[in-house]
N, C-alpha and C. Protein backbone atom coordinates (compact mmCIF):
# COMPACT_ATOMS: atom_id res chain seq x y z
N MET A 1 101.12 83.38 88.96
CA MET A 1 101.13 84.37 87.85
C MET A 1 102.51 84.79 87.55
N ALA A 2 103.33 84.96 88.62
CA ALA A 2 104.69 85.34 88.36
C ALA A 2 105.44 84.29 87.61
N ASP A 3 105.17 83.02 87.91
CA ASP A 3 105.87 81.95 87.25
C ASP A 3 105.49 81.88 85.75
N GLY A 4 104.27 82.20 85.43
CA GLY A 4 103.83 82.21 84.03
C GLY A 4 104.48 83.38 83.24
N LEU A 5 104.77 84.46 83.90
CA LEU A 5 105.36 85.61 83.22
C LEU A 5 106.98 85.48 83.17
N ALA A 6 107.51 84.61 84.01
CA ALA A 6 108.97 84.56 84.16
C ALA A 6 109.68 84.32 82.89
N ALA A 7 109.14 83.48 81.98
CA ALA A 7 109.81 83.12 80.74
C ALA A 7 109.88 84.28 79.80
N ARG A 8 108.80 85.04 79.60
CA ARG A 8 108.81 86.18 78.67
C ARG A 8 109.18 87.52 79.28
N PHE A 9 108.83 87.70 80.51
CA PHE A 9 109.05 88.97 81.23
C PHE A 9 109.70 88.77 82.58
N PRO A 10 110.93 88.42 82.63
CA PRO A 10 111.56 88.10 83.94
C PRO A 10 111.56 89.31 84.92
N ALA A 11 111.73 90.52 84.41
CA ALA A 11 111.67 91.70 85.29
C ALA A 11 110.29 91.86 85.95
N VAL A 12 109.26 91.65 85.18
CA VAL A 12 107.90 91.78 85.70
C VAL A 12 107.65 90.74 86.73
N ALA A 13 108.07 89.50 86.49
CA ALA A 13 107.89 88.37 87.36
C ALA A 13 108.60 88.68 88.71
N GLU A 14 109.82 89.25 88.62
CA GLU A 14 110.55 89.57 89.81
C GLU A 14 109.84 90.67 90.64
N LEU A 15 109.32 91.73 89.90
CA LEU A 15 108.56 92.81 90.60
C LEU A 15 107.36 92.19 91.30
N LEU A 16 106.62 91.27 90.64
CA LEU A 16 105.48 90.68 91.27
C LEU A 16 105.82 89.88 92.52
N THR A 17 106.95 89.15 92.42
CA THR A 17 107.36 88.33 93.53
C THR A 17 107.74 89.22 94.71
N GLU A 18 108.46 90.33 94.46
CA GLU A 18 108.87 91.27 95.51
C GLU A 18 107.66 91.96 96.12
N ALA A 19 106.64 92.23 95.33
CA ALA A 19 105.49 93.02 95.78
C ALA A 19 104.38 92.11 96.35
N GLU A 20 104.57 90.81 96.36
CA GLU A 20 103.53 89.90 96.81
C GLU A 20 102.92 90.30 98.17
N PRO A 21 103.73 90.63 99.19
CA PRO A 21 103.05 90.99 100.49
C PRO A 21 102.17 92.21 100.35
N ASP A 22 102.52 93.16 99.53
CA ASP A 22 101.75 94.37 99.36
C ASP A 22 100.50 94.10 98.52
N LEU A 23 100.66 93.23 97.56
CA LEU A 23 99.50 92.92 96.67
C LEU A 23 98.41 92.10 97.40
N LEU A 24 98.84 91.31 98.39
CA LEU A 24 97.90 90.40 99.02
C LEU A 24 97.53 90.86 100.46
N VAL A 25 97.88 92.12 100.79
CA VAL A 25 97.69 92.58 102.19
C VAL A 25 96.18 92.60 102.54
N HIS A 26 95.29 92.77 101.55
CA HIS A 26 93.86 92.80 101.84
C HIS A 26 93.36 91.49 102.47
N PHE A 27 94.07 90.42 102.30
CA PHE A 27 93.65 89.12 102.85
C PHE A 27 93.94 89.07 104.36
N THR A 28 94.65 90.08 104.95
CA THR A 28 94.88 90.06 106.40
C THR A 28 93.69 90.74 107.10
N PHE A 29 92.77 91.39 106.39
CA PHE A 29 91.65 92.00 106.97
C PHE A 29 90.48 90.99 107.10
N PRO A 30 89.56 91.28 107.98
CA PRO A 30 88.37 90.38 108.10
C PRO A 30 87.61 90.33 106.76
N ASP A 31 86.89 89.23 106.54
CA ASP A 31 86.14 89.06 105.29
C ASP A 31 85.14 90.19 105.07
N ALA A 32 84.53 90.69 106.13
CA ALA A 32 83.56 91.77 105.99
C ALA A 32 84.16 93.06 105.43
N HIS A 33 85.47 93.27 105.62
CA HIS A 33 86.10 94.48 105.19
C HIS A 33 86.50 94.42 103.69
N ARG A 34 86.74 93.29 103.21
CA ARG A 34 87.34 93.16 101.85
C ARG A 34 86.49 93.83 100.76
N PRO A 35 85.20 93.71 100.73
CA PRO A 35 84.46 94.40 99.67
C PRO A 35 84.61 95.93 99.76
N ARG A 36 84.83 96.39 100.98
CA ARG A 36 84.91 97.85 101.18
C ARG A 36 86.30 98.41 100.79
N ILE A 37 87.37 97.62 101.08
CA ILE A 37 88.72 98.14 100.85
C ILE A 37 89.20 97.85 99.40
N ARG A 38 88.48 97.07 98.64
CA ARG A 38 88.94 96.83 97.31
C ARG A 38 88.67 97.97 96.34
N SER A 39 87.73 98.84 96.76
CA SER A 39 87.30 99.93 95.90
C SER A 39 87.78 101.26 96.47
N THR A 40 88.18 102.16 95.57
CA THR A 40 88.59 103.53 96.01
C THR A 40 87.44 104.52 95.78
N ASN A 41 86.22 104.04 95.58
CA ASN A 41 85.10 104.92 95.30
C ASN A 41 84.83 105.92 96.43
N PRO A 42 84.89 105.48 97.74
CA PRO A 42 84.63 106.46 98.81
C PRO A 42 85.70 107.60 98.82
N GLN A 43 86.97 107.20 98.55
CA GLN A 43 88.02 108.22 98.54
C GLN A 43 87.79 109.14 97.36
N GLU A 44 87.47 108.63 96.25
CA GLU A 44 87.22 109.48 95.08
C GLU A 44 86.04 110.44 95.27
N ARG A 45 84.97 109.92 95.99
CA ARG A 45 83.82 110.72 96.25
C ARG A 45 84.19 111.89 97.21
N LEU A 46 85.00 111.56 98.19
CA LEU A 46 85.44 112.60 99.16
C LEU A 46 86.33 113.61 98.47
N ASN A 47 87.22 113.20 97.61
CA ASN A 47 88.06 114.16 96.87
C ASN A 47 87.23 115.02 95.93
N LYS A 48 86.22 114.48 95.37
CA LYS A 48 85.30 115.25 94.51
C LYS A 48 84.53 116.31 95.28
N GLU A 49 84.13 115.97 96.49
CA GLU A 49 83.42 116.93 97.38
C GLU A 49 84.35 118.03 97.79
N ILE A 50 85.58 117.68 98.14
CA ILE A 50 86.57 118.71 98.53
C ILE A 50 86.82 119.58 97.32
N LYS A 51 86.98 119.10 96.14
CA LYS A 51 87.20 119.89 94.95
C LYS A 51 86.01 120.80 94.63
N ARG A 52 84.80 120.28 94.84
CA ARG A 52 83.60 121.06 94.61
C ARG A 52 83.50 122.27 95.60
N ARG A 53 83.78 121.99 96.87
CA ARG A 53 83.65 123.04 97.87
C ARG A 53 84.78 124.09 97.71
N THR A 54 85.98 123.69 97.33
CA THR A 54 87.02 124.67 97.17
C THR A 54 86.81 125.47 95.93
N ALA A 55 86.19 124.90 94.86
CA ALA A 55 85.86 125.65 93.63
C ALA A 55 84.83 126.72 93.89
N VAL A 56 83.91 126.47 94.84
CA VAL A 56 82.91 127.45 95.13
C VAL A 56 83.57 128.72 95.74
N VAL A 57 84.51 128.49 96.62
CA VAL A 57 85.22 129.64 97.24
C VAL A 57 86.10 130.34 96.24
N GLY A 58 86.82 129.53 95.40
CA GLY A 58 87.69 130.11 94.39
C GLY A 58 89.06 130.38 94.91
N ILE A 59 89.28 131.54 95.47
CA ILE A 59 90.62 131.96 95.94
C ILE A 59 90.58 132.08 97.48
N PHE A 60 91.49 131.45 98.11
CA PHE A 60 91.57 131.48 99.59
C PHE A 60 92.55 132.56 100.01
N PRO A 61 92.18 133.41 101.03
CA PRO A 61 93.01 134.44 101.44
C PRO A 61 94.32 133.91 102.11
N THR A 62 94.25 132.85 102.83
CA THR A 62 95.37 132.27 103.54
C THR A 62 95.37 130.74 103.47
N ARG A 63 96.47 130.16 103.71
CA ARG A 63 96.59 128.68 103.73
C ARG A 63 95.70 128.15 104.84
N ALA A 64 95.60 128.83 105.94
CA ALA A 64 94.81 128.38 107.09
C ALA A 64 93.35 128.33 106.70
N SER A 65 92.87 129.23 105.87
CA SER A 65 91.45 129.20 105.50
C SER A 65 91.14 127.97 104.64
N LEU A 66 92.11 127.60 103.76
CA LEU A 66 91.94 126.38 102.98
C LEU A 66 91.87 125.16 103.87
N ILE A 67 92.83 125.12 104.84
CA ILE A 67 92.89 123.97 105.78
C ILE A 67 91.61 123.88 106.57
N ARG A 68 91.08 125.00 106.98
CA ARG A 68 89.79 125.00 107.77
C ARG A 68 88.67 124.44 106.92
N LEU A 69 88.58 124.84 105.65
CA LEU A 69 87.47 124.33 104.81
C LEU A 69 87.60 122.83 104.55
N VAL A 70 88.80 122.41 104.18
CA VAL A 70 89.01 120.97 103.91
C VAL A 70 88.84 120.17 105.17
N GLY A 71 89.30 120.66 106.31
CA GLY A 71 89.14 120.04 107.59
C GLY A 71 87.65 119.86 107.94
N MET A 72 86.87 120.90 107.62
CA MET A 72 85.45 120.87 107.91
C MET A 72 84.75 119.75 107.04
N VAL A 73 85.16 119.63 105.79
CA VAL A 73 84.62 118.60 104.88
C VAL A 73 84.97 117.22 105.44
N LEU A 74 86.26 117.06 105.86
CA LEU A 74 86.67 115.80 106.42
C LEU A 74 85.95 115.46 107.79
N PHE A 75 85.71 116.52 108.55
CA PHE A 75 85.00 116.32 109.83
C PHE A 75 83.56 115.90 109.52
N GLU A 76 82.91 116.53 108.53
CA GLU A 76 81.56 116.16 108.18
C GLU A 76 81.49 114.70 107.77
N GLN A 77 82.48 114.23 106.95
CA GLN A 77 82.48 112.87 106.49
C GLN A 77 82.65 111.92 107.63
N ASP A 78 83.58 112.23 108.58
CA ASP A 78 83.81 111.40 109.75
C ASP A 78 82.57 111.33 110.60
N ASP A 79 81.90 112.48 110.78
CA ASP A 79 80.68 112.54 111.55
C ASP A 79 79.56 111.64 110.92
N GLU A 80 79.49 111.69 109.63
CA GLU A 80 78.50 110.90 108.92
C GLU A 80 78.82 109.37 109.11
N TRP A 81 80.02 109.03 109.04
CA TRP A 81 80.42 107.60 109.18
C TRP A 81 80.23 107.18 110.63
N GLN A 82 80.41 108.04 111.63
CA GLN A 82 80.21 107.70 113.02
C GLN A 82 78.69 107.59 113.40
N ASP A 83 77.93 108.60 112.92
CA ASP A 83 76.49 108.64 113.37
C ASP A 83 75.52 108.05 112.34
N GLY A 84 75.81 108.21 111.10
CA GLY A 84 74.86 107.78 110.07
C GLY A 84 75.25 106.40 109.57
N ARG A 85 75.46 106.30 108.31
CA ARG A 85 75.82 105.02 107.72
C ARG A 85 77.31 104.73 107.97
N ARG A 86 77.55 103.67 108.64
CA ARG A 86 78.94 103.35 109.00
C ARG A 86 79.61 102.59 107.91
N TYR A 87 80.82 102.98 107.55
CA TYR A 87 81.52 102.30 106.48
C TYR A 87 81.97 100.96 106.95
N PHE A 88 82.50 100.83 108.17
CA PHE A 88 82.87 99.52 108.73
C PHE A 88 82.01 99.36 110.01
N LEU A 89 81.47 98.19 110.21
CA LEU A 89 80.68 97.92 111.40
C LEU A 89 81.58 97.82 112.59
N PRO A 90 81.12 98.25 113.75
CA PRO A 90 81.93 98.15 115.00
C PRO A 90 82.34 96.69 115.30
N GLU A 91 81.49 95.73 114.99
CA GLU A 91 81.80 94.33 115.23
C GLU A 91 82.98 93.86 114.42
N SER A 92 83.07 94.31 113.13
CA SER A 92 84.19 93.89 112.32
C SER A 92 85.44 94.58 112.75
N MET A 93 85.35 95.86 113.26
CA MET A 93 86.54 96.56 113.75
C MET A 93 87.05 95.87 115.02
N ALA A 94 86.12 95.33 115.84
CA ALA A 94 86.47 94.63 117.03
C ALA A 94 87.27 93.37 116.70
N ARG A 95 86.95 92.70 115.57
CA ARG A 95 87.70 91.52 115.15
C ARG A 95 89.15 91.90 114.83
N ILE A 96 89.35 93.10 114.27
CA ILE A 96 90.75 93.50 114.01
C ILE A 96 91.50 93.68 115.32
N ASP A 97 90.82 94.41 116.25
CA ASP A 97 91.46 94.61 117.53
C ASP A 97 91.74 93.29 118.26
N ALA A 98 90.90 92.32 118.13
CA ALA A 98 91.09 90.99 118.75
C ALA A 98 92.30 90.32 118.16
N VAL A 99 92.46 90.42 116.86
CA VAL A 99 93.59 89.77 116.13
C VAL A 99 94.90 90.45 116.60
N THR A 100 94.90 91.74 116.66
CA THR A 100 96.16 92.51 116.97
C THR A 100 96.54 92.21 118.45
N ALA A 101 95.62 91.92 119.28
CA ALA A 101 95.92 91.63 120.70
C ALA A 101 96.43 90.23 120.91
N THR A 102 96.15 89.31 119.99
CA THR A 102 96.51 87.93 120.26
C THR A 102 97.67 87.41 119.35
N GLU A 103 97.99 88.04 118.30
CA GLU A 103 99.03 87.50 117.42
C GLU A 103 99.86 88.64 116.81
N GLU A 104 100.93 88.26 116.24
CA GLU A 104 101.80 89.26 115.58
C GLU A 104 101.22 89.53 114.17
N VAL A 105 101.10 90.82 113.83
CA VAL A 105 100.53 91.14 112.55
C VAL A 105 101.40 92.15 111.89
N GLY A 106 101.14 92.32 110.57
CA GLY A 106 101.89 93.26 109.75
C GLY A 106 101.42 94.69 109.96
N PRO A 107 102.14 95.63 109.38
CA PRO A 107 101.82 97.07 109.52
C PRO A 107 100.48 97.43 108.94
N ALA A 108 100.01 96.77 107.90
CA ALA A 108 98.72 97.14 107.32
C ALA A 108 97.59 96.85 108.24
N LEU A 109 97.63 95.72 108.94
CA LEU A 109 96.51 95.45 109.89
C LEU A 109 96.61 96.33 111.11
N LEU A 110 97.77 96.65 111.55
CA LEU A 110 97.90 97.56 112.64
C LEU A 110 97.38 98.96 112.29
N MET A 111 97.62 99.42 111.07
CA MET A 111 97.13 100.71 110.63
C MET A 111 95.58 100.70 110.62
N ALA A 112 95.02 99.56 110.23
CA ALA A 112 93.55 99.43 110.14
C ALA A 112 92.89 99.51 111.51
N SER A 113 93.60 99.06 112.53
CA SER A 113 92.99 99.09 113.83
C SER A 113 93.23 100.42 114.48
């Protein structure tokens, strides 16, 4: 793609070439994870829930009260993913751990494990 753009848009082609590792980082994850990480829908849903809950309260008396409410929403989401419907299966997470133990990997894969 960068080669095709190089003639008309050399700056764009250079940016794509420099960003190649970041653009293709999802290929370092197991195949089972790729459909999940290509979408930001879960993050958007979580942000919408935080916005809804903070709008109900309206004005927070202290910063700590806001942090407690948002922390509670995040805790509920984590609890749901741990006990209810899991976003990533334990077997696929184990594959990431197996890869990180046997070979050198980039920061993105280490963050995922």
